[in-house]
PDB file of N, CA and C in Angstrom:
ATOM      1  N   UNK A   1      10.116   6.599 -11.068  1.00  0.00           N
ATOM      2  CA  UNK A   1       9.151   5.994 -10.154  1.00  0.00           C
ATOM      3  C   UNK A   1       9.613   4.587  -9.814  1.00  0.00           C
ATOM      4  N   UNK A   2       9.614   4.275  -8.554  1.00  0.00           N
ATOM      5  CA  UNK A   2       9.960   2.933  -8.075  1.00  0.00           C
ATOM      6  C   UNK A   2       8.840   1.989  -8.492  1.00  0.00           C
ATOM      7  N   UNK A   3       9.162   1.005  -9.292  1.00  0.00           N
ATOM      8  CA  UNK A   3       8.128   0.133  -9.819  1.00  0.00           C
ATOM      9  C   UNK A   3       8.292  -1.303  -9.348  1.00  0.00           C
ATOM     10  N   UNK A   4       9.100  -1.510  -8.320  1.00  0.00           N
ATOM     11  CA  UNK A   4       9.319  -2.847  -7.797  1.00  0.00           C
ATOM     12  C   UNK A   4       8.301  -3.166  -6.728  1.00  0.00           C
ATOM     13  N   UNK A   5       7.934  -4.422  -6.662  1.00  0.00           N
ATOM     14  CA  UNK A   5       7.053  -4.882  -5.599  1.00  0.00           C
ATOM     15  C   UNK A   5       7.830  -4.998  -4.300  1.00  0.00           C
ATOM     16  N   UNK A   6       7.160  -4.771  -3.200  1.00  0.00           N
ATOM     17  CA  UNK A   6       7.695  -5.071  -1.878  1.00  0.00           C
ATOM     18  C   UNK A   6       6.565  -5.684  -1.076  1.00  0.00           C
ATOM     19  N   UNK A   7       6.904  -6.346   0.002  1.00  0.00           N
ATOM     20  CA  UNK A   7       5.914  -7.052   0.813  1.00  0.00           C
ATOM     21  C   UNK A   7       5.824  -6.399   2.182  1.00  0.00           C
ATOM     22  N   UNK A   8       4.582  -6.165   2.625  1.00  0.00           N
ATOM     23  CA  UNK A   8       4.342  -5.743   4.001  1.00  0.00           C
ATOM     24  C   UNK A   8       3.513  -6.836   4.658  1.00  0.00           C
ATOM     25  N   UNK A   9       3.762  -7.066   5.928  1.00  0.00           N
ATOM     26  CA  UNK A   9       3.044  -8.096   6.660  1.00  0.00           C
ATOM     27  C   UNK A   9       2.200  -7.429   7.736  1.00  0.00           C
ATOM     28  N   UNK A  10       0.903  -7.713   7.698  1.00  0.00           N
ATOM     29  CA  UNK A  10      -0.043  -7.168   8.672  1.00  0.00           C
ATOM     30  C   UNK A  10      -0.892  -8.332   9.174  1.00  0.00           C
ATOM     31  N   UNK A  11      -0.969  -8.478  10.480  1.00  0.00           N
ATOM     32  CA  UNK A  11      -1.764  -9.560  11.085  1.00  0.00           C
ATOM     33  C   UNK A  11      -1.391 -10.924  10.502  1.00  0.00           C
ATOM     34  N   UNK A  12      -0.099 -11.183  10.355  1.00  0.00           N
ATOM     35  CA  UNK A  12       0.429 -12.446   9.835  1.00  0.00           C
ATOM     36  C   UNK A  12       0.015 -12.742   8.399  1.00  0.00           C
ATOM     37  N   UNK A  13      -0.370 -11.706   7.651  1.00  0.00           N
ATOM     38  CA  UNK A  13      -0.725 -11.858   6.247  1.00  0.00           C
ATOM     39  C   UNK A  13       0.203 -10.982   5.426  1.00  0.00           C
ATOM     40  N   UNK A  14       0.764 -11.554   4.348  1.00  0.00           N
ATOM     41  CA  UNK A  14       1.647 -10.800   3.465  1.00  0.00           C
ATOM     42  C   UNK A  14       0.829 -10.121   2.377  1.00  0.00           C
ATOM     43  N   UNK A  15       1.118  -8.843   2.159  1.00  0.00           N
ATOM     44  CA  UNK A  15       0.497  -8.054   1.108  1.00  0.00           C
ATOM     45  C   UNK A  15       1.594  -7.582   0.168  1.00  0.00           C
ATOM     46  N   UNK A  16       1.424  -7.867  -1.107  1.00  0.00           N
ATOM     47  CA  UNK A  16       2.377  -7.455  -2.124  1.00  0.00           C
ATOM     48  C   UNK A  16       1.966  -6.047  -2.582  1.00  0.00           C
ATOM     49  N   UNK A  17       2.909  -5.110  -2.540  1.00  0.00           N
ATOM     50  CA  UNK A  17       2.604  -3.699  -2.794  1.00  0.00           C
ATOM     51  C   UNK A  17       3.510  -3.180  -3.902  1.00  0.00           C
ATOM     52  N   UNK A  18       2.941  -2.348  -4.766  1.00  0.00           N
ATOM     53  CA  UNK A  18       3.717  -1.691  -5.819  1.00  0.00           C
ATOM     54  C   UNK A  18       3.203  -0.263  -5.957  1.00  0.00           C
ATOM     55  N   UNK A  19       4.121   0.700  -6.005  1.00  0.00           N
ATOM     56  CA  UNK A  19       3.707   2.078  -6.241  1.00  0.00           C
ATOM     57  C   UNK A  19       3.227   2.180  -7.678  1.00  0.00           C
ATOM     58  N   UNK A  20       2.011   2.716  -7.859  1.00  0.00           N
ATOM     59  CA  UNK A  20       1.477   2.824  -9.219  1.00  0.00           C
ATOM     60  C   UNK A  20       1.478   4.256  -9.725  1.00  0.00           C
ATOM     61  N   UNK A  21       1.614   5.221  -8.814  1.00  0.00           N
ATOM     62  CA  UNK A  21       1.636   6.627  -9.208  1.00  0.00           C
ATOM     63  C   UNK A  21       2.417   7.410  -8.154  1.00  0.00           C
ATOM     64  N   UNK A  22       3.232   8.345  -8.623  1.00  0.00           N
ATOM     65  CA  UNK A  22       3.993   9.169  -7.689  1.00  0.00           C
ATOM     66  C   UNK A  22       3.177  10.387  -7.271  1.00  0.00           C
ATOM     67  N   UNK A  23       2.515  11.031  -8.234  1.00  0.00           N
ATOM     68  CA  UNK A  23       1.692  12.208  -7.933  1.00  0.00           C
ATOM     69  C   UNK A  23       0.317  11.965  -8.497  1.00  0.00           C
ATOM     70  N   UNK A  24      -0.681  11.735  -7.682  1.00  0.00           N
ATOM     71  CA  UNK A  24      -0.590  11.518  -6.239  1.00  0.00           C
ATOM     72  C   UNK A  24      -0.017  10.130  -5.961  1.00  0.00           C
ATOM     73  N   UNK A  25       0.570   9.936  -4.770  1.00  0.00           N
ATOM     74  CA  UNK A  25       1.109   8.608  -4.451  1.00  0.00           C
ATOM     75  C   UNK A  25      -0.023   7.589  -4.288  1.00  0.00           C
ATOM     76  N   UNK A  26      -0.028   6.618  -5.168  1.00  0.00           N
ATOM     77  CA  UNK A  26      -1.018   5.536  -5.124  1.00  0.00           C
ATOM     78  C   UNK A  26      -0.284   4.209  -5.142  1.00  0.00           C
ATOM     79  N   UNK A  27      -0.898   3.209  -4.517  1.00  0.00           N
ATOM     80  CA  UNK A  27      -0.257   1.902  -4.389  1.00  0.00           C
ATOM     81  C   UNK A  27      -1.232   0.809  -4.784  1.00  0.00           C
ATOM     82  N   UNK A  28      -0.734  -0.159  -5.560  1.00  0.00           N
ATOM     83  CA  UNK A  28      -1.480  -1.372  -5.863  1.00  0.00           C
ATOM     84  C   UNK A  28      -1.141  -2.379  -4.768  1.00  0.00           C
ATOM     85  N   UNK A  29      -2.181  -2.952  -4.150  1.00  0.00           N
ATOM     86  CA  UNK A  29      -1.986  -3.905  -3.056  1.00  0.00           C
ATOM     87  C   UNK A  29      -2.672  -5.211  -3.443  1.00  0.00           C
ATOM     88  N   UNK A  30      -1.914  -6.303  -3.364  1.00  0.00           N
ATOM     89  CA  UNK A  30      -2.404  -7.629  -3.737  1.00  0.00           C
ATOM     90  C   UNK A  30      -2.268  -8.587  -2.560  1.00  0.00           C
ATOM     91  N   UNK A  31      -3.265  -9.425  -2.400  1.00  0.00           N
ATOM     92  CA  UNK A  31      -3.212 -10.518  -1.429  1.00  0.00           C
ATOM     93  C   UNK A  31      -4.052 -11.651  -1.998  1.00  0.00           C
ATOM     94  N   UNK A  32      -3.382 -12.689  -2.466  1.00  0.00           N
ATOM     95  CA  UNK A  32      -4.109 -13.770  -3.116  1.00  0.00           C
ATOM     96  C   UNK A  32      -4.808 -13.227  -4.354  1.00  0.00           C
ATOM     97  N   UNK A  33      -6.110 -13.424  -4.438  1.00  0.00           N
ATOM     98  CA  UNK A  33      -6.897 -12.928  -5.563  1.00  0.00           C
ATOM     99  C   UNK A  33      -7.382 -11.502  -5.346  1.00  0.00           C
ATOM    100  N   UNK A  34      -7.235 -10.981  -4.139  1.00  0.00           N
ATOM    101  CA  UNK A  34      -7.729  -9.637  -3.829  1.00  0.00           C
ATOM    102  C   UNK A  34      -6.771  -8.570  -4.345  1.00  0.00           C
ATOM    103  N   UNK A  35      -7.344  -7.496  -4.848  1.00  0.00           N
ATOM    104  CA  UNK A  35      -6.562  -6.360  -5.338  1.00  0.00           C
ATOM    105  C   UNK A  35      -7.280  -5.078  -4.952  1.00  0.00           C
ATOM    106  N   UNK A  36      -6.514  -4.095  -4.511  1.00  0.00           N
ATOM    107  CA  UNK A  36      -7.033  -2.750  -4.272  1.00  0.00           C
ATOM    108  C   UNK A  36      -5.960  -1.757  -4.655  1.00  0.00           C
ATOM    109  N   UNK A  37      -6.394  -0.590  -5.103  1.00  0.00           N
ATOM    110  CA  UNK A  37      -5.463   0.521  -5.243  1.00  0.00           C
ATOM    111  C   UNK A  37      -5.801   1.470  -4.102  1.00  0.00           C
ATOM    112  N   UNK A  38      -4.783   1.870  -3.347  1.00  0.00           N
ATOM    113  CA  UNK A  38      -5.018   2.717  -2.187  1.00  0.00           C
ATOM    114  C   UNK A  38      -4.160   3.979  -2.278  1.00  0.00           C
ATOM    115  N   UNK A  39      -4.583   4.982  -1.522  1.00  0.00           N
ATOM    116  CA  UNK A  39      -3.846   6.232  -1.447  1.00  0.00           C
ATOM    117  C   UNK A  39      -4.104   6.873  -0.097  1.00  0.00           C
ATOM    118  N   UNK A  40      -3.408   7.956   0.154  1.00  0.00           N
ATOM    119  CA  UNK A  40      -3.495   8.631   1.442  1.00  0.00           C
ATOM    120  C   UNK A  40      -4.087  10.019   1.227  1.00  0.00           C
ATOM    121  N   UNK A  41      -5.070  10.382   2.045  1.00  0.00           N
ATOM    122  CA  UNK A  41      -5.683  11.699   1.940  1.00  0.00           C
ATOM    123  C   UNK A  41      -4.768  12.753   2.548  1.00  0.00           C
ATOM    124  N   UNK A  42      -5.092  14.012   2.302  1.00  0.00           N
ATOM    125  CA  UNK A  42      -4.326  15.106   2.906  1.00  0.00           C
ATOM    126  C   UNK A  42      -4.414  15.062   4.425  1.00  0.00           C
ATOM    127  N   UNK A  43      -5.485  14.472   4.942  1.00  0.00           N
ATOM    128  CA  UNK A  43      -5.655  14.350   6.395  1.00  0.00           C
ATOM    129  C   UNK A  43      -4.873  13.175   6.971  1.00  0.00           C
ATOM    130  N   UNK A  44      -4.223  12.381   6.108  1.00  0.00           N
ATOM    131  CA  UNK A  44      -3.400  11.274   6.584  1.00  0.00           C
ATOM    132  C   UNK A  44      -4.123   9.952   6.705  1.00  0.00           C
ATOM    133  N   UNK A  45      -5.362   9.858   6.211  1.00  0.00           N
ATOM    134  CA  UNK A  45      -6.097   8.591   6.254  1.00  0.00           C
ATOM    135  C   UNK A  45      -5.909   7.847   4.937  1.00  0.00           C
ATOM    136  N   UNK A  46      -5.747   6.543   5.046  1.00  0.00           N
ATOM    137  CA  UNK A  46      -5.625   5.704   3.858  1.00  0.00           C
ATOM    138  C   UNK A  46      -7.017   5.357   3.361  1.00  0.00           C
ATOM    139  N   UNK A  47      -7.221   5.427   2.029  1.00  0.00           N
ATOM    140  CA  UNK A  47      -8.527   5.173   1.424  1.00  0.00           C
ATOM    141  C   UNK A  47      -8.366   4.273   0.207  1.00  0.00           C
ATOM    142  N   UNK A  48      -9.453   3.560  -0.119  1.00  0.00           N
ATOM    143  CA  UNK A  48      -9.492   2.786  -1.349  1.00  0.00           C
ATOM    144  C   UNK A  48      -9.711   3.750  -2.512  1.00  0.00           C
ATOM    145  N   UNK A  49      -8.910   3.628  -3.553  1.00  0.00           N
ATOM    146  CA  UNK A  49      -9.069   4.434  -4.753  1.00  0.00           C
ATOM    147  C   UNK A  49      -9.776   3.604  -5.813  1.00  0.00           C
ATOM    148  N   UNK A  50      -9.371   2.357  -5.923  1.00  0.00           N
ATOM    149  CA  UNK A  50      -9.978   1.442  -6.889  1.00  0.00           C
ATOM    150  C   UNK A  50     -10.154   0.092  -6.224  1.00  0.00           C
ATOM    151  N   UNK A  51     -11.352  -0.450  -6.370  1.00  0.00           N
ATOM    152  CA  UNK A  51     -11.663  -1.734  -5.763  1.00  0.00           C
ATOM    153  C   UNK A  51     -12.480  -2.541  -6.767  1.00  0.00           C
ATOM    154  N   UNK A  52     -12.131  -3.779  -7.017  1.00  0.00           N
ATOM    155  CA  UNK A  52     -12.928  -4.598  -7.933  1.00  0.00           C
ATOM    156  C   UNK A  52     -14.315  -4.879  -7.350  1.00  0.00           C
ATOM    157  N   UNK A  53     -15.224  -5.350  -8.193  1.00  0.00           N
ATOM    158  CA  UNK A  53     -16.603  -5.552  -7.753  1.00  0.00           C
ATOM    159  C   UNK A  53     -16.724  -6.618  -6.664  1.00  0.00           C
ATOM    160  N   UNK A  54     -15.950  -7.691  -6.748  1.00  0.00           N
ATOM    161  CA  UNK A  54     -16.002  -8.699  -5.682  1.00  0.00           C
ATOM    162  C   UNK A  54     -14.908  -8.358  -4.672  1.00  0.00           C
ATOM    163  N   UNK A  55     -15.289  -7.692  -3.640  1.00  0.00           N
ATOM    164  CA  UNK A  55     -14.342  -7.080  -2.717  1.00  0.00           C
ATOM    165  C   UNK A  55     -14.002  -8.006  -1.562  1.00  0.00           C
ATOM    166  N   UNK A  56     -12.720  -8.136  -1.313  1.00  0.00           N
ATOM    167  CA  UNK A  56     -12.235  -8.739  -0.082  1.00  0.00           C
ATOM    168  C   UNK A  56     -11.548  -7.609   0.654  1.00  0.00           C
ATOM    169  N   UNK A  57     -12.142  -7.175   1.750  1.00  0.00           N
ATOM    170  CA  UNK A  57     -11.589  -6.030   2.461  1.00  0.00           C
ATOM    171  C   UNK A  57     -10.253  -6.379   3.095  1.00  0.00           C
ATOM    172  N   UNK A  58      -9.410  -5.376   3.171  1.00  0.00           N
ATOM    173  CA  UNK A  58      -8.084  -5.509   3.754  1.00  0.00           C
ATOM    174  C   UNK A  58      -7.997  -4.539   4.928  1.00  0.00           C
ATOM    175  N   UNK A  59      -7.104  -4.798   5.878  1.00  0.00           N
ATOM    176  CA  UNK A  59      -6.909  -3.849   6.981  1.00  0.00           C
ATOM    177  C   UNK A  59      -6.187  -2.599   6.459  1.00  0.00           C
ATOM    178  N   UNK A  60      -6.964  -1.713   5.864  1.00  0.00           N
ATOM    179  CA  UNK A  60      -6.449  -0.600   5.080  1.00  0.00           C
ATOM    180  C   UNK A  60      -5.483   0.302   5.849  1.00  0.00           C
ATOM    181  N   UNK A  61      -5.860   0.772   7.027  1.00  0.00           N
ATOM    182  CA  UNK A  61      -4.997   1.693   7.777  1.00  0.00           C
ATOM    183  C   UNK A  61      -3.688   1.017   8.175  1.00  0.00           C
ATOM    184  N   UNK A  62      -3.776  -0.260   8.576  1.00  0.00           N
ATOM    185  CA  UNK A  62      -2.573  -0.987   8.980  1.00  0.00           C
ATOM    186  C   UNK A  62      -1.627  -1.211   7.804  1.00  0.00           C
ATOM    187  N   UNK A  63      -2.192  -1.510   6.626  1.00  0.00           N
ATOM    188  CA  UNK A  63      -1.361  -1.680   5.433  1.00  0.00           C
ATOM    189  C   UNK A  63      -0.710  -0.347   5.085  1.00  0.00           C
ATOM    190  N   UNK A  64      -1.477   0.731   5.147  1.00  0.00           N
ATOM    191  CA  UNK A  64      -0.924   2.054   4.864  1.00  0.00           C
ATOM    192  C   UNK A  64       0.202   2.421   5.813  1.00  0.00           C
ATOM    193  N   UNK A  65       0.024   2.124   7.089  1.00  0.00           N
ATOM    194  CA  UNK A  65       1.086   2.400   8.064  1.00  0.00           C
ATOM    195  C   UNK A  65       2.340   1.582   7.742  1.00  0.00           C
ATOM    196  N   UNK A  66       2.146   0.326   7.322  1.00  0.00           N
ATOM    197  CA  UNK A  66       3.286  -0.520   6.954  1.00  0.00           C
ATOM    198  C   UNK A  66       3.993   0.035   5.716  1.00  0.00           C
ATOM    199  N   UNK A  67       3.234   0.594   4.770  1.00  0.00           N
ATOM    200  CA  UNK A  67       3.833   1.234   3.596  1.00  0.00           C
ATOM    201  C   UNK A  67       4.649   2.447   4.032  1.00  0.00           C
ATOM    202  N   UNK A  68       4.075   3.263   4.925  1.00  0.00           N
ATOM    203  CA  UNK A  68       4.807   4.428   5.442  1.00  0.00           C
ATOM    204  C   UNK A  68       6.118   4.001   6.094  1.00  0.00           C
ATOM    205  N   UNK A  69       6.076   2.944   6.895  1.00  0.00           N
ATOM    206  CA  UNK A  69       7.276   2.444   7.566  1.00  0.00           C
ATOM    207  C   UNK A  69       8.289   1.954   6.535  1.00  0.00           C
ATOM    208  N   UNK A  70       7.820   1.229   5.533  1.00  0.00           N
ATOM    209  CA  UNK A  70       8.712   0.729   4.480  1.00  0.00           C
ATOM    210  C   UNK A  70       9.476   1.885   3.842  1.00  0.00           C
ATOM    211  N   UNK A  71       8.782   2.955   3.477  1.00  0.00           N
ATOM    212  CA  UNK A  71       9.451   4.064   2.809  1.00  0.00           C
ATOM    213  C   UNK A  71      10.293   4.886   3.772  1.00  0.00           C
ATOM    214  N   UNK A  72       9.919   4.952   5.039  1.00  0.00           N
ATOM    215  CA  UNK A  72      10.768   5.681   5.991  1.00  0.00           C
ATOM    216  C   UNK A  72      12.059   4.914   6.243  1.00  0.00           C
ATOM    217  N   UNK A  73      11.997   3.582   6.261  1.00  0.00           N
ATOM    218  CA  UNK A  73      13.213   2.778   6.420  1.00  0.00           C
ATOM    219  C   UNK A  73      14.116   2.915   5.199  1.00  0.00           C
ATOM    220  N   UNK A  74      13.504   2.953   3.992  1.00  0.00           N
ATOM    221  CA  UNK A  74      14.289   3.141   2.772  1.00  0.00           C
ATOM    222  C   UNK A  74      15.014   4.480   2.795  1.00  0.00           C
ATOM    223  N   UNK A  75      14.328   5.529   3.234  1.00  0.00           N
ATOM    224  CA  UNK A  75      14.965   6.848   3.238  1.00  0.00           C
ATOM    225  C   UNK A  75      16.064   6.935   4.299  1.00  0.00           C
ATOM    226  N   UNK A  76      15.916   6.204   5.393  1.00  0.00           N
ATOM    227  CA  UNK A  76      16.970   6.166   6.415  1.00  0.00           C
ATOM    228  C   UNK A  76      18.219   5.468   5.890  1.00  0.00           C
ATOM    229  N   UNK A  77      18.031   4.424   5.072  1.00  0.00           N
ATOM    230  CA  UNK A  77      19.166   3.703   4.500  1.00  0.00           C
ATOM    231  C   UNK A  77      19.936   4.575   3.529  1.00  0.00           C
ATOM    232  N   UNK A  78      19.245   5.470   2.831  1.00  0.00           N
ATOM    233  CA  UNK A  78      19.886   6.346   1.856  1.00  0.00           C
ATOM    234  C   UNK A  78      20.712   7.406   2.553  1.00  0.00           C
ATOM    235  N   UNK A  79      20.232   7.899   3.713  1.00  0.00           N
ATOM    236  CA  UNK A  79      20.941   8.967   4.429  1.00  0.00           C
ATOM    237  C   UNK A  79      22.137   8.474   5.171  1.00  0.00           C
TER     238      UNK A  79
END
């Protein structure tokens, strides 16, 4: 499992992302003090899996799309 952090930028904000589970694919997303664990449904929508009680919402779908792009670029580099 890839356990390194990578950064995605959405709306001029950097989000630090780390894969936390391969099956199912889940990601820890950090921005400042905010933390969420997110995942993708079978229908392709990104959802919050774990959210702390004091929630700072993030642009969830946009972050998920940036994660998808990050991994598609990685797979292109390998091929």
